[in-house]
């Protein structure tokens, strides 16, 4: 066993185990955690005793709530090179997971957002429980869905990815399987048994623990979601939502009303661009976009309001989508 402050790794039967061990911070990733995961994955690539990798989050509140955005905000304010190093190594880890030569199995219980999506959804198998909550809420902090989010989200059915990427709304574990973010559904009560079975039987154990899915909660709204979020720009999306008659549309409008107006514009453009990119190219494009979007006032202000001061009253610049200058958005790209 190798133990670090925030990551625990060990070989267990046929699998190598990674435990994200920062439960008080909802297992949010810092650079040391990223480096520890990258190093052990490199070691296990050629280890004949490791047939597969299993990754879990400590505690019952989160698999991984994302990256440590306080540090990224401080970096933007004082030393941008820290953020560049973080993103460089995080995105390299995302690509490693996506191209890993052995089965990579994420057991997702609790919150899975942002960087947690990058640590799980790029892998071969993603097991979600009824307590899992998948989300990419970056627009609420004046950012955009990165970690390959601009590659993942456009490849969900219809316009589900655009809907989730702009609003930042979460889906539960069963809905995540329906949407394609997860591959298997196993109740929390059976997760320890599944984890143990993986060590004994490898990926063959997954089938025995994959339970029937509850109905997709968004099924009745799929056509309307596709109609609204296929609109050509943010104002048109909002207009179509206003014309919709349904609680889901009101919830979407409410969510859009709380996020950075500018972030809606650059996120929509990044998602549309990501449809035609490989994952590697999407990650490269995202890295470039971190530099320009984080320099926009809304990132520092969004993290302040949501994470630092927690007053949840960001002062966006501008404060309305009607005031966002398309030329300003164009310059970010």
C-alpha atoms as a PDB file:
ATOM      1  CA  UNK A   1       0.000   0.000   0.000  1.00  0.00           C
ATOM      2  CA  UNK A   2       1.121   3.517  -0.815  1.00  0.00           C
ATOM      3  CA  UNK A   3      -0.424   6.192   1.350  1.00  0.00           C
ATOM      4  CA  UNK A   4      -0.368   9.926   0.762  1.00  0.00           C
ATOM      5  CA  UNK A   5      -2.384  12.618   2.459  1.00  0.00           C
ATOM      6  CA  UNK A   6      -5.138  12.604  -0.111  1.00  0.00           C
ATOM      7  CA  UNK A   7      -4.714   9.496  -2.278  1.00  0.00           C
ATOM      8  CA  UNK A   8      -4.478   5.837  -1.213  1.00  0.00           C
ATOM      9  CA  UNK A   9      -3.429   3.230  -3.750  1.00  0.00           C
ATOM     10  CA  UNK A  10      -2.987  -0.516  -3.383  1.00  0.00           C
ATOM     11  CA  UNK A  11      -3.136  -3.800  -5.238  1.00  0.00           C
ATOM     12  CA  UNK A  12      -6.092  -5.953  -4.265  1.00  0.00           C
ATOM     13  CA  UNK A  13      -6.523  -9.307  -5.955  1.00  0.00           C
ATOM     14  CA  UNK A  14      -6.853  -8.707  -9.670  1.00  0.00           C
ATOM     15  CA  UNK A  15      -7.257  -4.935  -9.451  1.00  0.00           C
ATOM     16  CA  UNK A  16      -5.310  -1.860  -8.532  1.00  0.00           C
ATOM     17  CA  UNK A  17      -7.293   0.469  -6.278  1.00  0.00           C
ATOM     18  CA  UNK A  18      -7.260   4.265  -6.133  1.00  0.00           C
ATOM     19  CA  UNK A  19      -9.074   5.981  -3.278  1.00  0.00           C
ATOM     20  CA  UNK A  20      -9.506   9.751  -3.505  1.00  0.00           C
ATOM     21  CA  UNK A  21      -9.118  10.448   0.182  1.00  0.00           C
ATOM     22  CA  UNK A  22     -10.109  14.022   0.862  1.00  0.00           C
ATOM     23  CA  UNK A  23     -13.679  13.598   2.142  1.00  0.00           C
ATOM     24  CA  UNK A  24     -13.935  16.887   4.016  1.00  0.00           C
ATOM     25  CA  UNK A  25     -13.273  18.690   0.733  1.00  0.00           C
ATOM     26  CA  UNK A  26     -15.602  16.311  -1.143  1.00  0.00           C
ATOM     27  CA  UNK A  27     -12.482  14.672  -2.606  1.00  0.00           C
ATOM     28  CA  UNK A  28     -11.751  17.751  -4.707  1.00  0.00           C
ATOM     29  CA  UNK A  29      -8.555  17.390  -6.710  1.00  0.00           C
ATOM     30  CA  UNK A  30      -5.351  19.258  -6.034  1.00  0.00           C
ATOM     31  CA  UNK A  31      -2.132  18.925  -8.001  1.00  0.00           C
ATOM     32  CA  UNK A  32      -0.609  16.380  -5.609  1.00  0.00           C
ATOM     33  CA  UNK A  33      -3.634  14.120  -6.070  1.00  0.00           C
ATOM     34  CA  UNK A  34      -3.428  14.418  -9.842  1.00  0.00           C
ATOM     35  CA  UNK A  35       0.260  13.536  -9.765  1.00  0.00           C
ATOM     36  CA  UNK A  36      -0.297  10.565  -7.453  1.00  0.00           C
ATOM     37  CA  UNK A  37      -3.014   9.164  -9.728  1.00  0.00           C
ATOM     38  CA  UNK A  38      -0.942   9.701 -12.852  1.00  0.00           C
ATOM     39  CA  UNK A  39       2.092   8.005 -11.313  1.00  0.00           C
ATOM     40  CA  UNK A  40       0.258   4.887 -10.136  1.00  0.00           C
ATOM     41  CA  UNK A  41      -1.591   4.505 -13.432  1.00  0.00           C
ATOM     42  CA  UNK A  42       1.738   4.599 -15.244  1.00  0.00           C
ATOM     43  CA  UNK A  43       3.105   1.915 -12.890  1.00  0.00           C
ATOM     44  CA  UNK A  44       0.075  -0.340 -13.288  1.00  0.00           C
ATOM     45  CA  UNK A  45       0.142  -0.167 -17.086  1.00  0.00           C
ATOM     46  CA  UNK A  46       2.851  -2.835 -17.157  1.00  0.00           C
ATOM     47  CA  UNK A  47       2.156  -4.598 -13.845  1.00  0.00           C
ATOM     48  CA  UNK A  48       1.142  -8.185 -14.745  1.00  0.00           C
ATOM     49  CA  UNK A  49      -0.680  -8.528 -11.425  1.00  0.00           C
ATOM     50  CA  UNK A  50      -3.080  -5.674 -12.183  1.00  0.00           C
ATOM     51  CA  UNK A  51      -5.804  -6.617 -14.645  1.00  0.00           C
ATOM     52  CA  UNK A  52      -7.971  -3.534 -14.052  1.00  0.00           C
ATOM     53  CA  UNK A  53      -8.111  -0.289 -12.064  1.00  0.00           C
ATOM     54  CA  UNK A  54     -10.901   0.624  -9.637  1.00  0.00           C
ATOM     55  CA  UNK A  55     -11.258   4.223  -8.451  1.00  0.00           C
ATOM     56  CA  UNK A  56     -13.531   5.370  -5.608  1.00  0.00           C
ATOM     57  CA  UNK A  57     -14.040   8.417  -3.408  1.00  0.00           C
ATOM     58  CA  UNK A  58     -13.745   8.358   0.380  1.00  0.00           C
ATOM     59  CA  UNK A  59     -16.875   9.001   2.442  1.00  0.00           C
ATOM     60  CA  UNK A  60     -20.481   8.900   1.306  1.00  0.00           C
ATOM     61  CA  UNK A  61     -20.900  12.513   0.170  1.00  0.00           C
ATOM     62  CA  UNK A  62     -18.836  12.637  -2.995  1.00  0.00           C
ATOM     63  CA  UNK A  63     -16.870  10.675  -5.533  1.00  0.00           C
ATOM     64  CA  UNK A  64     -15.072  13.883  -6.491  1.00  0.00           C
ATOM     65  CA  UNK A  65     -16.512  17.382  -6.478  1.00  0.00           C
ATOM     66  CA  UNK A  66     -14.021  18.778  -9.004  1.00  0.00           C
ATOM     67  CA  UNK A  67     -10.777  20.695  -8.895  1.00  0.00           C
ATOM     68  CA  UNK A  68      -9.596  23.007  -6.140  1.00  0.00           C
ATOM     69  CA  UNK A  69     -10.923  26.216  -7.654  1.00  0.00           C
ATOM     70  CA  UNK A  70      -9.789  28.388  -4.744  1.00  0.00           C
ATOM     71  CA  UNK A  71      -6.223  27.641  -5.777  1.00  0.00           C
ATOM     72  CA  UNK A  72      -7.038  28.356  -9.413  1.00  0.00           C
ATOM     73  CA  UNK A  73      -8.584  31.699  -8.483  1.00  0.00           C
ATOM     74  CA  UNK A  74      -5.537  32.622  -6.418  1.00  0.00           C
ATOM     75  CA  UNK A  75      -3.340  31.619  -9.318  1.00  0.00           C
ATOM     76  CA  UNK A  76      -5.277  33.853 -11.691  1.00  0.00           C
ATOM     77  CA  UNK A  77      -4.870  36.752  -9.268  1.00  0.00           C
ATOM     78  CA  UNK A  78      -1.202  36.239  -8.404  1.00  0.00           C
ATOM     79  CA  UNK A  79       0.666  33.581 -10.424  1.00  0.00           C
ATOM     80  CA  UNK A  80      -0.958  32.197 -13.556  1.00  0.00           C
ATOM     81  CA  UNK A  81       1.758  29.577 -13.974  1.00  0.00           C
ATOM     82  CA  UNK A  82       0.234  27.542 -11.116  1.00  0.00           C
ATOM     83  CA  UNK A  83      -3.067  27.235 -12.986  1.00  0.00           C
ATOM     84  CA  UNK A  84      -1.256  26.357 -16.200  1.00  0.00           C
ATOM     85  CA  UNK A  85       0.610  23.558 -14.441  1.00  0.00           C
ATOM     86  CA  UNK A  86      -2.587  22.262 -12.846  1.00  0.00           C
ATOM     87  CA  UNK A  87      -4.493  22.152 -16.118  1.00  0.00           C
ATOM     88  CA  UNK A  88      -1.559  20.681 -18.036  1.00  0.00           C
ATOM     89  CA  UNK A  89      -1.267  17.744 -15.652  1.00  0.00           C
ATOM     90  CA  UNK A  90      -5.007  17.306 -15.077  1.00  0.00           C
ATOM     91  CA  UNK A  91      -5.769  17.188 -18.795  1.00  0.00           C
ATOM     92  CA  UNK A  92      -2.890  14.765 -19.378  1.00  0.00           C
ATOM     93  CA  UNK A  93      -4.426  12.525 -16.699  1.00  0.00           C
ATOM     94  CA  UNK A  94      -7.833  12.769 -18.387  1.00  0.00           C
ATOM     95  CA  UNK A  95      -6.272  11.608 -21.658  1.00  0.00           C
ATOM     96  CA  UNK A  96      -4.424   8.800 -19.863  1.00  0.00           C
ATOM     97  CA  UNK A  97      -7.710   7.543 -18.413  1.00  0.00           C
ATOM     98  CA  UNK A  98      -9.432   7.720 -21.797  1.00  0.00           C
ATOM     99  CA  UNK A  99      -6.681   5.737 -23.509  1.00  0.00           C
ATOM    100  CA  UNK A 100      -5.751   3.405 -20.643  1.00  0.00           C
ATOM    101  CA  UNK A 101      -4.842  -0.074 -21.896  1.00  0.00           C
ATOM    102  CA  UNK A 102      -6.545  -1.869 -18.999  1.00  0.00           C
ATOM    103  CA  UNK A 103     -10.166  -1.608 -17.836  1.00  0.00           C
ATOM    104  CA  UNK A 104     -10.701   1.491 -15.708  1.00  0.00           C
ATOM    105  CA  UNK A 105     -13.730   1.272 -13.414  1.00  0.00           C
ATOM    106  CA  UNK A 106     -15.115   4.244 -11.485  1.00  0.00           C
ATOM    107  CA  UNK A 107     -17.490   3.525  -8.601  1.00  0.00           C
ATOM    108  CA  UNK A 108     -19.461   6.754  -8.280  1.00  0.00           C
ATOM    109  CA  UNK A 109     -21.421   7.418  -5.108  1.00  0.00           C
ATOM    110  CA  UNK A 110     -22.325  10.989  -4.192  1.00  0.00           C
ATOM    111  CA  UNK A 111     -21.307  14.159  -5.992  1.00  0.00           C
ATOM    112  CA  UNK A 112     -19.391  13.827  -9.247  1.00  0.00           C
ATOM    113  CA  UNK A 113     -18.730  17.235 -10.781  1.00  0.00           C
ATOM    114  CA  UNK A 114     -16.140  18.976 -12.922  1.00  0.00           C
ATOM    115  CA  UNK A 115     -12.805  17.297 -12.333  1.00  0.00           C
ATOM    116  CA  UNK A 116     -14.666  14.290 -10.925  1.00  0.00           C
ATOM    117  CA  UNK A 117     -16.275  13.858 -14.328  1.00  0.00           C
ATOM    118  CA  UNK A 118     -12.776  13.853 -15.801  1.00  0.00           C
ATOM    119  CA  UNK A 119     -11.667  11.169 -13.332  1.00  0.00           C
ATOM    120  CA  UNK A 120     -14.596   8.899 -14.165  1.00  0.00           C
ATOM    121  CA  UNK A 121     -16.466   9.491 -17.413  1.00  0.00           C
ATOM    122  CA  UNK A 122     -13.374   9.108 -19.613  1.00  0.00           C
ATOM    123  CA  UNK A 123     -12.951   5.575 -18.271  1.00  0.00           C
ATOM    124  CA  UNK A 124     -14.311   2.333 -19.681  1.00  0.00           C
ATOM    125  CA  UNK A 125     -16.859   1.590 -16.932  1.00  0.00           C
ATOM    126  CA  UNK A 126     -18.740   4.031 -14.713  1.00  0.00           C
ATOM    127  CA  UNK A 127     -20.938   2.539 -12.005  1.00  0.00           C
ATOM    128  CA  UNK A 128     -23.411   5.010 -10.493  1.00  0.00           C
ATOM    129  CA  UNK A 129     -25.564   4.612  -7.376  1.00  0.00           C
ATOM    130  CA  UNK A 130     -28.915   6.177  -6.566  1.00  0.00           C
ATOM    131  CA  UNK A 131     -27.003   8.770  -4.514  1.00  0.00           C
ATOM    132  CA  UNK A 132     -24.722   9.806  -7.367  1.00  0.00           C
ATOM    133  CA  UNK A 133     -25.108  13.310  -8.725  1.00  0.00           C
ATOM    134  CA  UNK A 134     -23.405  14.181 -12.017  1.00  0.00           C
ATOM    135  CA  UNK A 135     -22.962  17.805 -13.014  1.00  0.00           C
ATOM    136  CA  UNK A 136     -20.808  20.313 -14.865  1.00  0.00           C
ATOM    137  CA  UNK A 137     -21.668  23.563 -13.030  1.00  0.00           C
ATOM    138  CA  UNK A 138     -18.794  25.667 -14.311  1.00  0.00           C
ATOM    139  CA  UNK A 139     -20.962  28.467 -15.718  1.00  0.00           C
ATOM    140  CA  UNK A 140     -21.985  29.366 -12.145  1.00  0.00           C
ATOM    141  CA  UNK A 141     -18.367  30.347 -11.444  1.00  0.00           C
ATOM    142  CA  UNK A 142     -17.822  32.124 -14.761  1.00  0.00           C
ATOM    143  CA  UNK A 143     -15.943  29.261 -16.383  1.00  0.00           C
ATOM    144  CA  UNK A 144     -16.833  26.465 -18.848  1.00  0.00           C
ATOM    145  CA  UNK A 145     -17.035  22.640 -18.768  1.00  0.00           C
ATOM    146  CA  UNK A 146     -13.416  21.630 -19.211  1.00  0.00           C
ATOM    147  CA  UNK A 147     -11.561  18.327 -18.465  1.00  0.00           C
ATOM    148  CA  UNK A 148     -12.777  17.197 -21.866  1.00  0.00           C
ATOM    149  CA  UNK A 149     -16.308  18.380 -21.152  1.00  0.00           C
ATOM    150  CA  UNK A 150     -16.452  20.074 -24.540  1.00  0.00           C
ATOM    151  CA  UNK A 151     -15.830  16.621 -26.032  1.00  0.00           C
ATOM    152  CA  UNK A 152     -18.098  14.600 -23.712  1.00  0.00           C
ATOM    153  CA  UNK A 153     -21.196  16.792 -23.548  1.00  0.00           C
ATOM    154  CA  UNK A 154     -21.768  17.212 -27.315  1.00  0.00           C
ATOM    155  CA  UNK A 155     -21.749  13.410 -27.623  1.00  0.00           C
ATOM    156  CA  UNK A 156     -24.642  12.846 -25.217  1.00  0.00           C
ATOM    157  CA  UNK A 157     -28.016  12.113 -26.874  1.00  0.00           C
ATOM    158  CA  UNK A 158     -29.566  15.068 -28.680  1.00  0.00           C
ATOM    159  CA  UNK A 159     -28.956  18.350 -26.887  1.00  0.00           C
ATOM    160  CA  UNK A 160     -28.734  16.915 -23.375  1.00  0.00           C
ATOM    161  CA  UNK A 161     -25.088  17.948 -23.178  1.00  0.00           C
ATOM    162  CA  UNK A 162     -25.849  21.542 -24.114  1.00  0.00           C
ATOM    163  CA  UNK A 163     -28.677  21.616 -21.577  1.00  0.00           C
ATOM    164  CA  UNK A 164     -26.461  20.284 -18.796  1.00  0.00           C
ATOM    165  CA  UNK A 165     -23.399  22.315 -19.776  1.00  0.00           C
ATOM    166  CA  UNK A 166     -25.201  25.667 -19.850  1.00  0.00           C
ATOM    167  CA  UNK A 167     -27.518  25.243 -16.850  1.00  0.00           C
ATOM    168  CA  UNK A 168     -25.090  23.322 -14.649  1.00  0.00           C
ATOM    169  CA  UNK A 169     -28.002  21.194 -13.415  1.00  0.00           C
ATOM    170  CA  UNK A 170     -27.234  17.743 -12.021  1.00  0.00           C
ATOM    171  CA  UNK A 171     -28.602  14.356 -12.987  1.00  0.00           C
ATOM    172  CA  UNK A 172     -28.894  11.424 -10.613  1.00  0.00           C
ATOM    173  CA  UNK A 173     -27.165   8.088 -11.063  1.00  0.00           C
ATOM    174  CA  UNK A 174     -29.929   6.397 -13.043  1.00  0.00           C
ATOM    175  CA  UNK A 175     -30.378   9.415 -15.300  1.00  0.00           C
ATOM    176  CA  UNK A 176     -26.610   9.496 -15.837  1.00  0.00           C
ATOM    177  CA  UNK A 177     -26.785   5.968 -17.266  1.00  0.00           C
ATOM    178  CA  UNK A 178     -29.698   6.946 -19.500  1.00  0.00           C
ATOM    179  CA  UNK A 179     -27.734   9.984 -20.693  1.00  0.00           C
ATOM    180  CA  UNK A 180     -24.498   8.075 -21.280  1.00  0.00           C
ATOM    181  CA  UNK A 181     -22.409   9.577 -18.486  1.00  0.00           C
ATOM    182  CA  UNK A 182     -22.448   6.258 -16.606  1.00  0.00           C
ATOM    183  CA  UNK A 183     -22.540   2.671 -17.857  1.00  0.00           C
ATOM    184  CA  UNK A 184     -23.938   0.685 -14.900  1.00  0.00           C
ATOM    185  CA  UNK A 185     -26.405   1.232 -12.066  1.00  0.00           C
ATOM    186  CA  UNK A 186     -25.812  -0.349  -8.670  1.00  0.00           C
ATOM    187  CA  UNK A 187     -27.478   0.737  -5.384  1.00  0.00           C
ATOM    188  CA  UNK A 188     -25.213   2.109  -2.664  1.00  0.00           C
ATOM    189  CA  UNK A 189     -25.971  -0.845  -0.402  1.00  0.00           C
ATOM    190  CA  UNK A 190     -24.414  -3.245  -2.930  1.00  0.00           C
ATOM    191  CA  UNK A 191     -21.393  -1.128  -3.817  1.00  0.00           C
ATOM    192  CA  UNK A 192     -19.003  -2.631  -1.210  1.00  0.00           C
ATOM    193  CA  UNK A 193     -19.926  -6.119  -2.407  1.00  0.00           C
ATOM    194  CA  UNK A 194     -19.330  -5.113  -6.017  1.00  0.00           C
ATOM    195  CA  UNK A 195     -16.005  -3.553  -5.106  1.00  0.00           C
ATOM    196  CA  UNK A 196     -14.896  -6.778  -3.448  1.00  0.00           C
ATOM    197  CA  UNK A 197     -16.135  -8.878  -6.363  1.00  0.00           C
ATOM    198  CA  UNK A 198     -14.118  -6.804  -8.821  1.00  0.00           C
ATOM    199  CA  UNK A 199     -10.938  -7.755  -6.954  1.00  0.00           C
ATOM    200  CA  UNK A 200     -11.818 -11.413  -7.315  1.00  0.00           C
ATOM    201  CA  UNK A 201     -13.451 -11.613 -10.734  1.00  0.00           C
ATOM    202  CA  UNK A 202     -12.405  -8.435 -12.538  1.00  0.00           C
ATOM    203  CA  UNK A 203     -14.837  -6.734 -14.908  1.00  0.00           C
ATOM    204  CA  UNK A 204     -16.909  -9.923 -15.147  1.00  0.00           C
ATOM    205  CA  UNK A 205     -18.404  -8.931 -11.787  1.00  0.00           C
ATOM    206  CA  UNK A 206     -20.097  -5.851 -13.233  1.00  0.00           C
ATOM    207  CA  UNK A 207     -22.928  -7.716 -14.938  1.00  0.00           C
ATOM    208  CA  UNK A 208     -24.127  -9.394 -11.746  1.00  0.00           C
ATOM    209  CA  UNK A 209     -24.479  -6.051  -9.956  1.00  0.00           C
ATOM    210  CA  UNK A 210     -26.017  -4.043 -12.799  1.00  0.00           C
ATOM    211  CA  UNK A 211     -29.624  -3.495 -11.705  1.00  0.00           C
ATOM    212  CA  UNK A 212     -32.624  -2.414 -13.800  1.00  0.00           C
ATOM    213  CA  UNK A 213     -32.771   1.321 -14.344  1.00  0.00           C
ATOM    214  CA  UNK A 214     -35.534   3.497 -12.973  1.00  0.00           C
ATOM    215  CA  UNK A 215     -37.272   5.512 -15.665  1.00  0.00           C
ATOM    216  CA  UNK A 216     -35.361   8.431 -17.190  1.00  0.00           C
ATOM    217  CA  UNK A 217     -36.738  11.508 -15.455  1.00  0.00           C
ATOM    218  CA  UNK A 218     -36.072  13.657 -18.528  1.00  0.00           C
ATOM    219  CA  UNK A 219     -37.626  11.249 -21.036  1.00  0.00           C
ATOM    220  CA  UNK A 220     -40.841  13.225 -21.431  1.00  0.00           C
ATOM    221  CA  UNK A 221     -38.861  16.427 -22.069  1.00  0.00           C
ATOM    222  CA  UNK A 222     -36.265  15.131 -24.499  1.00  0.00           C
ATOM    223  CA  UNK A 223     -37.884  16.592 -27.615  1.00  0.00           C
ATOM    224  CA  UNK A 224     -38.388  19.958 -25.932  1.00  0.00           C
ATOM    225  CA  UNK A 225     -34.807  19.998 -24.613  1.00  0.00           C
ATOM    226  CA  UNK A 226     -33.508  19.243 -28.098  1.00  0.00           C
ATOM    227  CA  UNK A 227     -35.689  21.984 -29.586  1.00  0.00           C
ATOM    228  CA  UNK A 228     -34.689  24.651 -27.056  1.00  0.00           C
ATOM    229  CA  UNK A 229     -30.989  23.911 -26.817  1.00  0.00           C
ATOM    230  CA  UNK A 230     -30.430  23.477 -30.536  1.00  0.00           C
ATOM    231  CA  UNK A 231     -31.190  27.171 -31.023  1.00  0.00           C
ATOM    232  CA  UNK A 232     -28.372  29.064 -32.754  1.00  0.00           C
ATOM    233  CA  UNK A 233     -27.338  31.273 -29.834  1.00  0.00           C
ATOM    234  CA  UNK A 234     -27.947  31.971 -26.149  1.00  0.00           C
ATOM    235  CA  UNK A 235     -30.714  34.574 -26.584  1.00  0.00           C
ATOM    236  CA  UNK A 236     -32.573  32.196 -28.912  1.00  0.00           C
ATOM    237  CA  UNK A 237     -32.233  29.356 -26.373  1.00  0.00           C
ATOM    238  CA  UNK A 238     -33.717  31.593 -23.700  1.00  0.00           C
ATOM    239  CA  UNK A 239     -36.539  32.662 -26.005  1.00  0.00           C
ATOM    240  CA  UNK A 240     -37.440  29.062 -26.765  1.00  0.00           C
ATOM    241  CA  UNK A 241     -37.393  28.176 -23.072  1.00  0.00           C
ATOM    242  CA  UNK A 242     -39.721  31.077 -22.284  1.00  0.00           C
ATOM    243  CA  UNK A 243     -42.125  29.767 -24.915  1.00  0.00           C
ATOM    244  CA  UNK A 244     -42.112  26.286 -23.346  1.00  0.00           C
ATOM    245  CA  UNK A 245     -44.858  25.348 -20.914  1.00  0.00           C
ATOM    246  CA  UNK A 246     -43.380  23.096 -18.260  1.00  0.00           C
ATOM    247  CA  UNK A 247     -41.624  23.015 -14.901  1.00  0.00           C
ATOM    248  CA  UNK A 248     -38.413  21.700 -16.467  1.00  0.00           C
ATOM    249  CA  UNK A 249     -38.170  24.798 -18.692  1.00  0.00           C
ATOM    250  CA  UNK A 250     -38.793  27.111 -15.735  1.00  0.00           C
ATOM    251  CA  UNK A 251     -36.068  25.316 -13.790  1.00  0.00           C
ATOM    252  CA  UNK A 252     -33.699  25.687 -16.734  1.00  0.00           C
ATOM    253  CA  UNK A 253     -34.468  29.404 -17.042  1.00  0.00           C
ATOM    254  CA  UNK A 254     -33.926  29.865 -13.317  1.00  0.00           C
ATOM    255  CA  UNK A 255     -30.564  28.125 -13.553  1.00  0.00           C
ATOM    256  CA  UNK A 256     -29.522  30.215 -16.548  1.00  0.00           C
ATOM    257  CA  UNK A 257     -30.489  33.343 -14.631  1.00  0.00           C
ATOM    258  CA  UNK A 258     -27.968  32.605 -11.891  1.00  0.00           C
ATOM    259  CA  UNK A 259     -24.900  31.854 -13.984  1.00  0.00           C
ATOM    260  CA  UNK A 260     -22.442  34.182 -15.704  1.00  0.00           C
ATOM    261  CA  UNK A 261     -24.085  35.569 -18.858  1.00  0.00           C
ATOM    262  CA  UNK A 262     -20.723  35.703 -20.603  1.00  0.00           C
ATOM    263  CA  UNK A 263     -19.946  32.117 -19.610  1.00  0.00           C
ATOM    264  CA  UNK A 264     -23.132  30.998 -21.339  1.00  0.00           C
ATOM    265  CA  UNK A 265     -21.854  32.455 -24.601  1.00  0.00           C
ATOM    266  CA  UNK A 266     -18.343  31.037 -24.479  1.00  0.00           C
ATOM    267  CA  UNK A 267     -19.599  27.656 -23.205  1.00  0.00           C
ATOM    268  CA  UNK A 268     -22.112  27.291 -26.024  1.00  0.00           C
ATOM    269  CA  UNK A 269     -19.440  28.134 -28.571  1.00  0.00           C
ATOM    270  CA  UNK A 270     -16.963  25.693 -27.003  1.00  0.00           C
ATOM    271  CA  UNK A 271     -19.544  22.893 -26.942  1.00  0.00           C
ATOM    272  CA  UNK A 272     -20.482  23.430 -30.575  1.00  0.00           C
ATOM    273  CA  UNK A 273     -16.800  23.456 -31.538  1.00  0.00           C
ATOM    274  CA  UNK A 274     -16.180  20.276 -29.555  1.00  0.00           C
ATOM    275  CA  UNK A 275     -18.531  18.254 -31.738  1.00  0.00           C
ATOM    276  CA  UNK A 276     -15.858  18.044 -34.425  1.00  0.00           C
ATOM    277  CA  UNK A 277     -12.775  17.590 -32.246  1.00  0.00           C
ATOM    278  CA  UNK A 278     -10.977  14.535 -30.940  1.00  0.00           C
ATOM    279  CA  UNK A 279     -10.589  14.353 -27.178  1.00  0.00           C
ATOM    280  CA  UNK A 280      -6.921  15.316 -27.434  1.00  0.00           C
ATOM    281  CA  UNK A 281      -7.729  18.308 -29.620  1.00  0.00           C
ATOM    282  CA  UNK A 282     -10.615  19.304 -27.347  1.00  0.00           C
ATOM    283  CA  UNK A 283      -8.317  19.265 -24.318  1.00  0.00           C
ATOM    284  CA  UNK A 284      -5.780  21.395 -26.155  1.00  0.00           C
ATOM    285  CA  UNK A 285      -8.490  23.868 -27.143  1.00  0.00           C
ATOM    286  CA  UNK A 286      -9.806  23.926 -23.571  1.00  0.00           C
ATOM    287  CA  UNK A 287      -6.341  24.685 -22.213  1.00  0.00           C
ATOM    288  CA  UNK A 288      -6.123  27.739 -24.463  1.00  0.00           C
ATOM    289  CA  UNK A 289      -9.628  28.781 -23.426  1.00  0.00           C
ATOM    290  CA  UNK A 290      -8.757  28.602 -19.712  1.00  0.00           C
ATOM    291  CA  UNK A 291      -6.275  31.419 -20.243  1.00  0.00           C
ATOM    292  CA  UNK A 292      -8.770  33.808 -21.812  1.00  0.00           C
ATOM    293  CA  UNK A 293     -11.901  32.968 -19.826  1.00  0.00           C
ATOM    294  CA  UNK A 294     -10.150  33.024 -16.451  1.00  0.00           C
ATOM    295  CA  UNK A 295      -8.815  36.477 -17.293  1.00  0.00           C
ATOM    296  CA  UNK A 296     -12.403  37.649 -17.709  1.00  0.00           C
ATOM    297  CA  UNK A 297     -13.704  39.310 -14.490  1.00  0.00           C
ATOM    298  CA  UNK A 298     -16.487  36.760 -14.073  1.00  0.00           C
ATOM    299  CA  UNK A 299     -14.193  33.874 -13.132  1.00  0.00           C
ATOM    300  CA  UNK A 300     -12.548  35.566 -10.157  1.00  0.00           C
ATOM    301  CA  UNK A 301     -15.905  37.010  -9.108  1.00  0.00           C
ATOM    302  CA  UNK A 302     -17.785  33.751  -9.552  1.00  0.00           C
ATOM    303  CA  UNK A 303     -15.383  31.745  -7.411  1.00  0.00           C
ATOM    304  CA  UNK A 304     -15.441  34.509  -4.797  1.00  0.00           C
ATOM    305  CA  UNK A 305     -19.230  34.469  -4.586  1.00  0.00           C
ATOM    306  CA  UNK A 306     -19.722  30.707  -4.673  1.00  0.00           C
ATOM    307  CA  UNK A 307     -16.650  29.342  -2.883  1.00  0.00           C
ATOM    308  CA  UNK A 308     -14.643  32.006  -1.053  1.00  0.00           C
ATOM    309  CA  UNK A 309     -17.169  34.378   0.517  1.00  0.00           C
ATOM    310  CA  UNK A 310     -20.146  32.114  -0.234  1.00  0.00           C
ATOM    311  CA  UNK A 311     -22.575  35.029  -0.419  1.00  0.00           C
ATOM    312  CA  UNK A 312     -23.893  33.585  -3.705  1.00  0.00           C
ATOM    313  CA  UNK A 313     -24.321  37.103  -5.048  1.00  0.00           C
ATOM    314  CA  UNK A 314     -21.876  37.412  -7.929  1.00  0.00           C
ATOM    315  CA  UNK A 315     -21.663  40.748  -9.696  1.00  0.00           C
ATOM    316  CA  UNK A 316     -21.364  39.623 -13.283  1.00  0.00           C
ATOM    317  CA  UNK A 317     -19.817  41.891 -15.935  1.00  0.00           C
ATOM    318  CA  UNK A 318     -22.084  42.347 -17.802  1.00  0.00           C
ATOM    319  CA  UNK A 319     -25.046  41.302 -15.660  1.00  0.00           C
ATOM    320  CA  UNK A 320     -27.383  40.352 -18.521  1.00  0.00           C
ATOM    321  CA  UNK A 321     -27.132  38.231 -21.672  1.00  0.00           C
ATOM    322  CA  UNK A 322     -28.548  41.175 -23.612  1.00  0.00           C
ATOM    323  CA  UNK A 323     -25.401  43.143 -22.790  1.00  0.00           C
ATOM    324  CA  UNK A 324     -22.824  40.522 -23.755  1.00  0.00           C
ATOM    325  CA  UNK A 325     -20.745  41.770 -26.674  1.00  0.00           C
ATOM    326  CA  UNK A 326     -20.276  39.054 -29.314  1.00  0.00           C
ATOM    327  CA  UNK A 327     -16.947  40.598 -30.290  1.00  0.00           C
ATOM    328  CA  UNK A 328     -15.687  40.096 -26.734  1.00  0.00           C
ATOM    329  CA  UNK A 329     -16.629  36.427 -26.929  1.00  0.00           C
ATOM    330  CA  UNK A 330     -15.006  36.069 -30.351  1.00  0.00           C
ATOM    331  CA  UNK A 331     -11.747  37.453 -28.948  1.00  0.00           C
ATOM    332  CA  UNK A 332     -11.602  34.659 -26.354  1.00  0.00           C
ATOM    333  CA  UNK A 333     -11.277  32.102 -29.124  1.00  0.00           C
END
